[in-house]
Amino acid sequence: LASVTEPLSTVATTTGSNTWAVATSLGQGLQTVGKPLGSAAGGLANVSGELQFI
């Protein structure tokens, strides 16, 4: 049984760490994309705020 379960746990561990690496890099990519979007949204809010005073 050990000869079957050991490779399985190795596969599970490898899959888990690979999935984590992919999720982490995806998350960082989303942050990289999200920051300029957040800045753009902030700029729009400033512009609309100034327009209200006119």
N, C-alpha and C. Protein backbone atom coordinates (compact mmCIF):
# COMPACT_ATOMS: atom_id res chain seq x y z
N LEU A 1 0.83 -1.20 0.00
CA LEU A 1 0.00 0.00 0.00
C LEU A 1 0.87 1.26 0.00
N ALA A 2 1.95 1.23 0.77
CA ALA A 2 2.82 2.40 0.84
C ALA A 2 3.40 2.73 -0.53
N SER A 3 3.66 1.68 -1.32
CA SER A 3 4.24 1.92 -2.65
C SER A 3 3.24 2.64 -3.56
N VAL A 4 1.95 2.55 -3.23
CA VAL A 4 0.93 3.24 -4.02
C VAL A 4 0.68 4.64 -3.45
N THR A 5 0.60 4.75 -2.13
CA THR A 5 0.24 6.03 -1.52
C THR A 5 1.35 7.06 -1.59
N GLU A 6 2.62 6.62 -1.52
CA GLU A 6 3.72 7.59 -1.57
C GLU A 6 3.76 8.37 -2.88
N PRO A 7 3.72 7.68 -4.04
CA PRO A 7 3.69 8.45 -5.29
C PRO A 7 2.46 9.36 -5.37
N LEU A 8 1.34 8.90 -4.86
CA LEU A 8 0.13 9.72 -4.89
C LEU A 8 0.30 10.99 -4.08
N SER A 9 0.90 10.87 -2.90
CA SER A 9 1.08 12.06 -2.08
C SER A 9 2.10 13.00 -2.72
N THR A 10 3.09 12.44 -3.41
CA THR A 10 4.06 13.28 -4.13
C THR A 10 3.36 14.04 -5.24
N VAL A 11 2.50 13.36 -5.97
CA VAL A 11 1.74 14.00 -7.06
C VAL A 11 0.85 15.09 -6.48
N ALA A 12 0.18 14.78 -5.37
CA ALA A 12 -0.71 15.76 -4.75
C ALA A 12 0.06 16.99 -4.29
N THR A 13 1.23 16.76 -3.70
CA THR A 13 2.05 17.88 -3.21
C THR A 13 2.52 18.74 -4.38
N THR A 14 3.01 18.08 -5.43
CA THR A 14 3.50 18.81 -6.61
C THR A 14 2.37 19.60 -7.25
N THR A 15 1.22 18.96 -7.40
CA THR A 15 0.06 19.63 -8.00
C THR A 15 -0.35 20.82 -7.14
N GLY A 16 -0.37 20.61 -5.84
CA GLY A 16 -0.74 21.68 -4.92
C GLY A 16 0.19 22.87 -5.02
N SER A 17 1.49 22.62 -5.03
CA SER A 17 2.43 23.74 -5.08
C SER A 17 2.39 24.43 -6.44
N ASN A 18 2.18 23.65 -7.51
CA ASN A 18 2.06 24.25 -8.84
C ASN A 18 0.81 25.12 -8.92
N THR A 19 -0.29 24.62 -8.37
CA THR A 19 -1.54 25.38 -8.37
C THR A 19 -1.35 26.67 -7.59
N TRP A 20 -0.67 26.57 -6.45
CA TRP A 20 -0.41 27.75 -5.62
C TRP A 20 0.43 28.77 -6.38
N ALA A 21 1.45 28.29 -7.08
CA ALA A 21 2.33 29.18 -7.86
C ALA A 21 1.54 29.89 -8.95
N VAL A 22 0.68 29.15 -9.63
CA VAL A 22 -0.14 29.75 -10.69
C VAL A 22 -1.10 30.78 -10.10
N ALA A 23 -1.75 30.41 -9.00
CA ALA A 23 -2.70 31.33 -8.36
C ALA A 23 -1.99 32.59 -7.88
N THR A 24 -0.78 32.42 -7.34
CA THR A 24 -0.02 33.57 -6.85
C THR A 24 0.36 34.50 -8.00
N SER A 25 0.85 33.93 -9.10
CA SER A 25 1.25 34.77 -10.22
C SER A 25 0.03 35.43 -10.85
N LEU A 26 -1.10 34.73 -10.87
CA LEU A 26 -2.34 35.34 -11.37
C LEU A 26 -2.74 36.51 -10.49
N GLY A 27 -2.65 36.30 -9.19
CA GLY A 27 -3.01 37.36 -8.25
C GLY A 27 -2.13 38.58 -8.42
N GLN A 28 -0.82 38.36 -8.61
CA GLN A 28 0.10 39.49 -8.81
C GLN A 28 -0.21 40.20 -10.12
N GLY A 29 -0.55 39.42 -11.14
CA GLY A 29 -0.91 40.02 -12.42
C GLY A 29 -2.15 40.89 -12.29
N LEU A 30 -3.13 40.40 -11.54
CA LEU A 30 -4.36 41.17 -11.33
C LEU A 30 -4.07 42.46 -10.57
N GLN A 31 -3.18 42.39 -9.59
CA GLN A 31 -2.80 43.60 -8.85
C GLN A 31 -2.12 44.60 -9.77
N THR A 32 -1.25 44.09 -10.64
CA THR A 32 -0.54 44.95 -11.57
C THR A 32 -1.52 45.65 -12.50
N VAL A 33 -2.54 44.92 -12.93
CA VAL A 33 -3.56 45.50 -13.81
C VAL A 33 -4.48 46.42 -13.01
N GLY A 34 -4.79 46.02 -11.79
CA GLY A 34 -5.76 46.76 -10.98
C GLY A 34 -5.27 48.11 -10.52
N LYS A 35 -3.98 48.25 -10.26
CA LYS A 35 -3.46 49.54 -9.75
C LYS A 35 -3.68 50.68 -10.74
N PRO A 36 -3.29 50.53 -12.01
CA PRO A 36 -3.57 51.62 -12.96
C PRO A 36 -5.07 51.88 -13.10
N LEU A 37 -5.87 50.82 -13.06
CA LEU A 37 -7.33 51.01 -13.14
C LEU A 37 -7.82 51.81 -11.96
N GLY A 38 -7.29 51.52 -10.78
CA GLY A 38 -7.67 52.26 -9.59
C GLY A 38 -7.27 53.72 -9.71
N SER A 39 -6.07 53.97 -10.24
CA SER A 39 -5.61 55.35 -10.43
C SER A 39 -6.50 56.06 -11.42
N ALA A 40 -6.87 55.38 -12.50
CA ALA A 40 -7.74 55.98 -13.51
C ALA A 40 -9.09 56.32 -12.90
N ALA A 41 -9.62 55.41 -12.09
CA ALA A 41 -10.91 55.66 -11.43
C ALA A 41 -10.80 56.85 -10.49
N GLY A 42 -9.69 56.94 -9.77
CA GLY A 42 -9.46 58.08 -8.89
C GLY A 42 -9.40 59.38 -9.68
N GLY A 43 -8.74 59.35 -10.84
CA GLY A 43 -8.66 60.53 -11.69
C GLY A 43 -10.03 60.95 -12.17
N LEU A 44 -10.85 59.98 -12.55
CA LEU A 44 -12.21 60.28 -13.00
C LEU A 44 -13.03 60.89 -11.88
N ALA A 45 -12.86 60.38 -10.68
CA ALA A 45 -13.59 60.91 -9.53
C ALA A 45 -13.19 62.36 -9.29
N ASN A 46 -11.90 62.67 -9.42
CA ASN A 46 -11.43 64.05 -9.25
C ASN A 46 -12.03 64.96 -10.30
N VAL A 47 -12.04 64.48 -11.54
CA VAL A 47 -12.58 65.29 -12.65
C VAL A 47 -14.06 65.54 -12.42
N SER A 48 -14.81 64.50 -12.07
CA SER A 48 -16.25 64.69 -11.88
C SER A 48 -16.51 65.58 -10.67
N GLY A 49 -15.65 65.49 -9.65
CA GLY A 49 -15.79 66.36 -8.49
C GLY A 49 -15.59 67.82 -8.87
N GLU A 50 -14.60 68.08 -9.75
CA GLU A 50 -14.34 69.45 -10.18
C GLU A 50 -15.47 69.96 -11.06
N LEU A 51 -16.05 69.08 -11.87
CA LEU A 51 -17.14 69.49 -12.76
C LEU A 51 -18.36 69.93 -11.96
N GLN A 52 -18.56 69.34 -10.80
CA GLN A 52 -19.72 69.70 -9.98
C GLN A 52 -19.64 71.13 -9.49
N PHE A 53 -18.42 71.65 -9.34
CA PHE A 53 -18.26 73.01 -8.82
C PHE A 53 -18.53 74.07 -9.89
N ILE A 54 -18.46 73.66 -11.15
CA ILE A 54 -18.64 74.63 -12.25
C ILE A 54 -20.10 75.06 -12.34
